[in-house]
Amino acid sequence: MITEINDRMEYLNMYQSQCATCKHFDWDTCTCKAFPKEIPDAILAGTKKHDTVIKGQTGNTIYEKEDD
């Protein structure tokens, strides 16, 4: 259940980020297993990669390409 609207994807070009092809990304909430509340802007905008564990994330989930 979505409890609030998160429109960050409207002003961040997330299609340049790994998020758009990550199997952990949730398109409905614009979150993932590593960042269940909010993905950092730098990752969501594509200016930072998430191929290592980042301080502040939940667990040790990192980018994994979604199966085609």
PDB file of N, CA and C in Angstrom:
ATOM      1  N   MET A   1       0.838  -1.182   0.000  1.00  0.00           N
ATOM      2  CA  MET A   1       0.000   0.000   0.000  1.00  0.00           C
ATOM      3  C   MET A   1       0.884   1.246   0.000  1.00  0.00           C
ATOM      4  N   ILE A   2       0.676   2.112  -0.929  1.00  0.00           N
ATOM      5  CA  ILE A   2       1.424   3.360  -1.013  1.00  0.00           C
ATOM      6  C   ILE A   2       0.758   4.379  -0.100  1.00  0.00           C
ATOM      7  N   THR A   3       1.549   4.954   0.815  1.00  0.00           N
ATOM      8  CA  THR A   3       0.990   5.903   1.775  1.00  0.00           C
ATOM      9  C   THR A   3       1.302   7.356   1.442  1.00  0.00           C
ATOM     10  N   GLU A   4       2.259   7.580   0.544  1.00  0.00           N
ATOM     11  CA  GLU A   4       2.559   8.944   0.123  1.00  0.00           C
ATOM     12  C   GLU A   4       3.097   8.923  -1.297  1.00  0.00           C
ATOM     13  N   ILE A   5       2.988  10.023  -1.970  1.00  0.00           N
ATOM     14  CA  ILE A   5       3.458  10.126  -3.342  1.00  0.00           C
ATOM     15  C   ILE A   5       4.905  10.604  -3.338  1.00  0.00           C
ATOM     16  N   ASN A   6       5.741   9.903  -4.078  1.00  0.00           N
ATOM     17  CA  ASN A   6       7.139  10.288  -4.220  1.00  0.00           C
ATOM     18  C   ASN A   6       7.358  10.604  -5.689  1.00  0.00           C
ATOM     19  N   ASP A   7       7.472  11.873  -6.022  1.00  0.00           N
ATOM     20  CA  ASP A   7       7.584  12.284  -7.420  1.00  0.00           C
ATOM     21  C   ASP A   7       9.012  12.639  -7.835  1.00  0.00           C
ATOM     22  N   ARG A   8      10.008  12.190  -7.074  1.00  0.00           N
ATOM     23  CA  ARG A   8      11.397  12.504  -7.396  1.00  0.00           C
ATOM     24  C   ARG A   8      11.777  12.020  -8.785  1.00  0.00           C
ATOM     25  N   MET A   9      11.174  10.924  -9.238  1.00  0.00           N
ATOM     26  CA  MET A   9      11.511  10.393 -10.558  1.00  0.00           C
ATOM     27  C   MET A   9      11.097  11.345 -11.667  1.00  0.00           C
ATOM     28  N   GLU A  10      10.255  12.315 -11.357  1.00  0.00           N
ATOM     29  CA  GLU A  10       9.819  13.290 -12.353  1.00  0.00           C
ATOM     30  C   GLU A  10      10.903  14.323 -12.653  1.00  0.00           C
ATOM     31  N   TYR A  11      11.725  14.645 -11.666  1.00  0.00           N
ATOM     32  CA  TYR A  11      12.760  15.651 -11.908  1.00  0.00           C
ATOM     33  C   TYR A  11      14.177  15.065 -11.920  1.00  0.00           C
ATOM     34  N   LEU A  12      14.321  13.790 -11.567  1.00  0.00           N
ATOM     35  CA  LEU A  12      15.608  13.113 -11.692  1.00  0.00           C
ATOM     36  C   LEU A  12      15.518  12.184 -12.892  1.00  0.00           C
ATOM     37  N   ASN A  13      16.480  12.221 -13.759  1.00  0.00           N
ATOM     38  CA  ASN A  13      16.444  11.386 -14.951  1.00  0.00           C
ATOM     39  C   ASN A  13      16.876   9.975 -14.587  1.00  0.00           C
ATOM     40  N   MET A  14      15.982   9.246 -13.940  1.00  0.00           N
ATOM     41  CA  MET A  14      16.315   7.924 -13.443  1.00  0.00           C
ATOM     42  C   MET A  14      16.596   6.914 -14.547  1.00  0.00           C
ATOM     43  N   TYR A  15      16.233   7.216 -15.763  1.00  0.00           N
ATOM     44  CA  TYR A  15      16.515   6.298 -16.862  1.00  0.00           C
ATOM     45  C   TYR A  15      18.001   6.249 -17.186  1.00  0.00           C
ATOM     46  N   GLN A  16      18.771   7.174 -16.645  1.00  0.00           N
ATOM     47  CA  GLN A  16      20.223   7.147 -16.791  1.00  0.00           C
ATOM     48  C   GLN A  16      20.865   6.365 -15.657  1.00  0.00           C
ATOM     49  N   SER A  17      20.074   5.963 -14.684  1.00  0.00           N
ATOM     50  CA  SER A  17      20.612   5.239 -13.538  1.00  0.00           C
ATOM     51  C   SER A  17      20.510   3.739 -13.736  1.00  0.00           C
ATOM     52  N   GLN A  18      21.204   3.020 -12.887  1.00  0.00           N
ATOM     53  CA  GLN A  18      21.111   1.570 -12.877  1.00  0.00           C
ATOM     54  C   GLN A  18      19.721   1.121 -12.421  1.00  0.00           C
ATOM     55  N   CYS A  19      19.052   1.934 -11.673  1.00  0.00           N
ATOM     56  CA  CYS A  19      17.755   1.564 -11.088  1.00  0.00           C
ATOM     57  C   CYS A  19      16.771   1.038 -12.135  1.00  0.00           C
ATOM     58  N   ALA A  20      16.752   1.649 -13.289  1.00  0.00           N
ATOM     59  CA  ALA A  20      15.787   1.286 -14.322  1.00  0.00           C
ATOM     60  C   ALA A  20      15.948  -0.152 -14.801  1.00  0.00           C
ATOM     61  N   THR A  21      17.139  -0.732 -14.608  1.00  0.00           N
ATOM     62  CA  THR A  21      17.363  -2.112 -15.050  1.00  0.00           C
ATOM     63  C   THR A  21      17.679  -3.063 -13.900  1.00  0.00           C
ATOM     64  N   CYS A  22      17.507  -2.615 -12.670  1.00  0.00           N
ATOM     65  CA  CYS A  22      17.833  -3.434 -11.501  1.00  0.00           C
ATOM     66  C   CYS A  22      16.652  -4.310 -11.103  1.00  0.00           C
ATOM     67  N   LYS A  23      16.932  -5.565 -10.787  1.00  0.00           N
ATOM     68  CA  LYS A  23      15.853  -6.484 -10.415  1.00  0.00           C
ATOM     69  C   LYS A  23      15.267  -6.186  -9.039  1.00  0.00           C
ATOM     70  N   HIS A  24      15.921  -5.353  -8.256  1.00  0.00           N
ATOM     71  CA  HIS A  24      15.429  -5.009  -6.921  1.00  0.00           C
ATOM     72  C   HIS A  24      14.584  -3.729  -6.910  1.00  0.00           C
ATOM     73  N   PHE A  25      14.532  -3.022  -8.023  1.00  0.00           N
ATOM     74  CA  PHE A  25      13.823  -1.737  -8.091  1.00  0.00           C
ATOM     75  C   PHE A  25      12.314  -1.941  -8.156  1.00  0.00           C
ATOM     76  N   ASP A  26      11.588  -1.159  -7.382  1.00  0.00           N
ATOM     77  CA  ASP A  26      10.126  -1.199  -7.367  1.00  0.00           C
ATOM     78  C   ASP A  26       9.611   0.058  -8.059  1.00  0.00           C
ATOM     79  N   TRP A  27       9.063  -0.102  -9.252  1.00  0.00           N
ATOM     80  CA  TRP A  27       8.583   1.034 -10.045  1.00  0.00           C
ATOM     81  C   TRP A  27       7.404   1.742  -9.397  1.00  0.00           C
ATOM     82  N   ASP A  28       6.615   1.041  -8.608  1.00  0.00           N
ATOM     83  CA  ASP A  28       5.443   1.664  -7.977  1.00  0.00           C
ATOM     84  C   ASP A  28       5.826   2.649  -6.890  1.00  0.00           C
ATOM     85  N   THR A  29       6.870   2.328  -6.132  1.00  0.00           N
ATOM     86  CA  THR A  29       7.257   3.193  -5.016  1.00  0.00           C
ATOM     87  C   THR A  29       8.565   3.931  -5.246  1.00  0.00           C
ATOM     88  N   CYS A  30       9.272   3.584  -6.329  1.00  0.00           N
ATOM     89  CA  CYS A  30      10.565   4.196  -6.641  1.00  0.00           C
ATOM     90  C   CYS A  30      11.555   3.949  -5.496  1.00  0.00           C
ATOM     91  N   THR A  31      11.525   2.709  -4.973  1.00  0.00           N
ATOM     92  CA  THR A  31      12.408   2.288  -3.892  1.00  0.00           C
ATOM     93  C   THR A  31      12.993   0.922  -4.259  1.00  0.00           C
ATOM     94  N   CYS A  32      13.799   0.374  -3.365  1.00  0.00           N
ATOM     95  CA  CYS A  32      14.355  -0.963  -3.584  1.00  0.00           C
ATOM     96  C   CYS A  32      14.660  -1.608  -2.242  1.00  0.00           C
ATOM     97  N   LYS A  33      15.179  -2.845  -2.263  1.00  0.00           N
ATOM     98  CA  LYS A  33      15.514  -3.552  -1.024  1.00  0.00           C
ATOM     99  C   LYS A  33      16.570  -2.802  -0.219  1.00  0.00           C
ATOM    100  N   ALA A  34      17.534  -2.214  -0.890  1.00  0.00           N
ATOM    101  CA  ALA A  34      18.614  -1.501  -0.202  1.00  0.00           C
ATOM    102  C   ALA A  34      18.161  -0.158   0.364  1.00  0.00           C
ATOM    103  N   PHE A  35      17.192   0.464  -0.299  1.00  0.00           N
ATOM    104  CA  PHE A  35      16.687   1.774   0.119  1.00  0.00           C
ATOM    105  C   PHE A  35      15.158   1.745   0.130  1.00  0.00           C
ATOM    106  N   PRO A  36      14.569   1.087   1.142  1.00  0.00           N
ATOM    107  CA  PRO A  36      13.119   0.897   1.180  1.00  0.00           C
ATOM    108  C   PRO A  36      12.310   2.172   1.412  1.00  0.00           C
ATOM    109  N   LYS A  37      12.947   3.225   1.911  1.00  0.00           N
ATOM    110  CA  LYS A  37      12.226   4.487   2.116  1.00  0.00           C
ATOM    111  C   LYS A  37      12.467   5.468   0.993  1.00  0.00           C
ATOM    112  N   GLU A  38      13.734   5.566   0.547  1.00  0.00           N
ATOM    113  CA  GLU A  38      14.070   6.528  -0.507  1.00  0.00           C
ATOM    114  C   GLU A  38      15.475   6.251  -1.043  1.00  0.00           C
ATOM    115  N   ILE A  39      15.573   6.068  -2.336  1.00  0.00           N
ATOM    116  CA  ILE A  39      16.876   5.880  -2.980  1.00  0.00           C
ATOM    117  C   ILE A  39      17.568   7.239  -3.048  1.00  0.00           C
ATOM    118  N   PRO A  40      18.854   7.304  -2.669  1.00  0.00           N
ATOM    119  CA  PRO A  40      19.567   8.588  -2.736  1.00  0.00           C
ATOM    120  C   PRO A  40      19.511   9.196  -4.141  1.00  0.00           C
ATOM    121  N   ASP A  41      19.399  10.505  -4.206  1.00  0.00           N
ATOM    122  CA  ASP A  41      19.276  11.215  -5.480  1.00  0.00           C
ATOM    123  C   ASP A  41      20.395  10.864  -6.455  1.00  0.00           C
ATOM    124  N   ALA A  42      21.634  10.782  -5.975  1.00  0.00           N
ATOM    125  CA  ALA A  42      22.772  10.522  -6.867  1.00  0.00           C
ATOM    126  C   ALA A  42      22.647   9.165  -7.556  1.00  0.00           C
ATOM    127  N   ILE A  43      22.116   8.182  -6.858  1.00  0.00           N
ATOM    128  CA  ILE A  43      21.927   6.862  -7.463  1.00  0.00           C
ATOM    129  C   ILE A  43      20.744   6.905  -8.417  1.00  0.00           C
ATOM    130  N   LEU A  44      19.643   7.480  -7.969  1.00  0.00           N
ATOM    131  CA  LEU A  44      18.438   7.535  -8.788  1.00  0.00           C
ATOM    132  C   LEU A  44      18.646   8.367 -10.059  1.00  0.00           C
ATOM    133  N   ALA A  45      19.490   9.364  -9.988  1.00  0.00           N
ATOM    134  CA  ALA A  45      19.766  10.210 -11.149  1.00  0.00           C
ATOM    135  C   ALA A  45      20.844   9.621 -12.063  1.00  0.00           C
ATOM    136  N   GLY A  46      21.566   8.618 -11.570  1.00  0.00           N
ATOM    137  CA  GLY A  46      22.586   7.983 -12.393  1.00  0.00           C
ATOM    138  C   GLY A  46      23.967   8.576 -12.278  1.00  0.00           C
ATOM    139  N   THR A  47      24.171   9.504 -11.355  1.00  0.00           N
ATOM    140  CA  THR A  47      25.503  10.094 -11.197  1.00  0.00           C
ATOM    141  C   THR A  47      26.398   9.261 -10.285  1.00  0.00           C
ATOM    142  N   LYS A  48      25.806   8.286  -9.579  1.00  0.00           N
ATOM    143  CA  LYS A  48      26.563   7.380  -8.723  1.00  0.00           C
ATOM    144  C   LYS A  48      26.076   5.961  -8.961  1.00  0.00           C
ATOM    145  N   LYS A  49      27.002   5.022  -9.073  1.00  0.00           N
ATOM    146  CA  LYS A  49      26.668   3.609  -9.260  1.00  0.00           C
ATOM    147  C   LYS A  49      26.404   2.961  -7.903  1.00  0.00           C
ATOM    148  N   HIS A  50      25.625   1.894  -7.908  1.00  0.00           N
ATOM    149  CA  HIS A  50      25.361   1.149  -6.682  1.00  0.00           C
ATOM    150  C   HIS A  50      25.861  -0.281  -6.859  1.00  0.00           C
ATOM    151  N   ASP A  51      27.168  -0.405  -7.110  1.00  0.00           N
ATOM    152  CA  ASP A  51      27.754  -1.720  -7.295  1.00  0.00           C
ATOM    153  C   ASP A  51      28.569  -2.174  -6.090  1.00  0.00           C
ATOM    154  N   THR A  52      28.527  -1.387  -5.018  1.00  0.00           N
ATOM    155  CA  THR A  52      29.087  -1.763  -3.727  1.00  0.00           C
ATOM    156  C   THR A  52      28.106  -1.319  -2.653  1.00  0.00           C
ATOM    157  N   VAL A  53      28.224  -1.902  -1.472  1.00  0.00           N
ATOM    158  CA  VAL A  53      27.360  -1.513  -0.356  1.00  0.00           C
ATOM    159  C   VAL A  53      27.679  -0.073   0.028  1.00  0.00           C
ATOM    160  N   ILE A  54      26.627   0.716   0.233  1.00  0.00           N
ATOM    161  CA  ILE A  54      26.769   2.139   0.545  1.00  0.00           C
ATOM    162  C   ILE A  54      26.314   2.385   1.979  1.00  0.00           C
ATOM    163  N   LYS A  55      27.062   3.200   2.682  1.00  0.00           N
ATOM    164  CA  LYS A  55      26.710   3.545   4.059  1.00  0.00           C
ATOM    165  C   LYS A  55      25.275   4.083   4.092  1.00  0.00           C
ATOM    166  N   GLY A  56      24.490   3.558   5.020  1.00  0.00           N
ATOM    167  CA  GLY A  56      23.121   4.032   5.185  1.00  0.00           C
ATOM    168  C   GLY A  56      22.080   3.155   4.506  1.00  0.00           C
ATOM    169  N   GLN A  57      22.517   2.206   3.689  1.00  0.00           N
ATOM    170  CA  GLN A  57      21.529   1.345   3.035  1.00  0.00           C
ATOM    171  C   GLN A  57      21.102   0.228   3.978  1.00  0.00           C
ATOM    172  N   THR A  58      20.019  -0.446   3.644  1.00  0.00           N
ATOM    173  CA  THR A  58      19.530  -1.578   4.406  1.00  0.00           C
ATOM    174  C   THR A  58      20.113  -2.857   3.815  1.00  0.00           C
ATOM    175  N   GLY A  59      20.735  -3.683   4.646  1.00  0.00           N
ATOM    176  CA  GLY A  59      21.284  -4.953   4.179  1.00  0.00           C
ATOM    177  C   GLY A  59      22.484  -4.763   3.269  1.00  0.00           C
ATOM    178  N   ASN A  60      22.744  -5.803   2.441  1.00  0.00           N
ATOM    179  CA  ASN A  60      23.907  -5.744   1.554  1.00  0.00           C
ATOM    180  C   ASN A  60      23.527  -5.904   0.082  1.00  0.00           C
ATOM    181  N   THR A  61      22.283  -5.607  -0.246  1.00  0.00           N
ATOM    182  CA  THR A  61      21.809  -5.680  -1.626  1.00  0.00           C
ATOM    183  C   THR A  61      22.470  -4.587  -2.457  1.00  0.00           C
ATOM    184  N   ILE A  62      22.978  -4.979  -3.633  1.00  0.00           N
ATOM    185  CA  ILE A  62      23.519  -4.013  -4.584  1.00  0.00           C
ATOM    186  C   ILE A  62      22.867  -4.235  -5.938  1.00  0.00           C
ATOM    187  N   TYR A  63      23.220  -3.422  -6.907  1.00  0.00           N
ATOM    188  CA  TYR A  63      22.645  -3.522  -8.243  1.00  0.00           C
ATOM    189  C   TYR A  63      22.819  -4.917  -8.836  1.00  0.00           C
ATOM    190  N   GLU A  64      21.727  -5.457  -9.350  1.00  0.00           N
ATOM    191  CA  GLU A  64      21.762  -6.700 -10.121  1.00  0.00           C
ATOM    192  C   GLU A  64      20.865  -6.492 -11.327  1.00  0.00           C
ATOM    193  N   LYS A  65      21.422  -6.710 -12.490  1.00  0.00           N
ATOM    194  CA  LYS A  65      20.649  -6.517 -13.720  1.00  0.00           C
ATOM    195  C   LYS A  65      19.440  -7.453 -13.749  1.00  0.00           C
ATOM    196  N   GLU A  66      18.319  -6.892 -14.100  1.00  0.00           N
ATOM    197  CA  GLU A  66      17.092  -7.660 -14.214  1.00  0.00           C
ATOM    198  C   GLU A  66      17.224  -8.638 -15.375  1.00  0.00           C
ATOM    199  N   ASP A  67      16.726  -9.847 -15.191  1.00  0.00           N
ATOM    200  CA  ASP A  67      16.742 -10.831 -16.267  1.00  0.00           C
ATOM    201  C   ASP A  67      15.833 -10.362 -17.396  1.00  0.00           C
ATOM    202  N   ASP A  68      16.294 -10.548 -18.627  1.00  0.00           N
ATOM    203  CA  ASP A  68      15.493 -10.141 -19.787  1.00  0.00           C
ATOM    204  C   ASP A  68      14.372 -11.096 -20.048  1.00  0.00           C
TER     205      ASP A  68
END
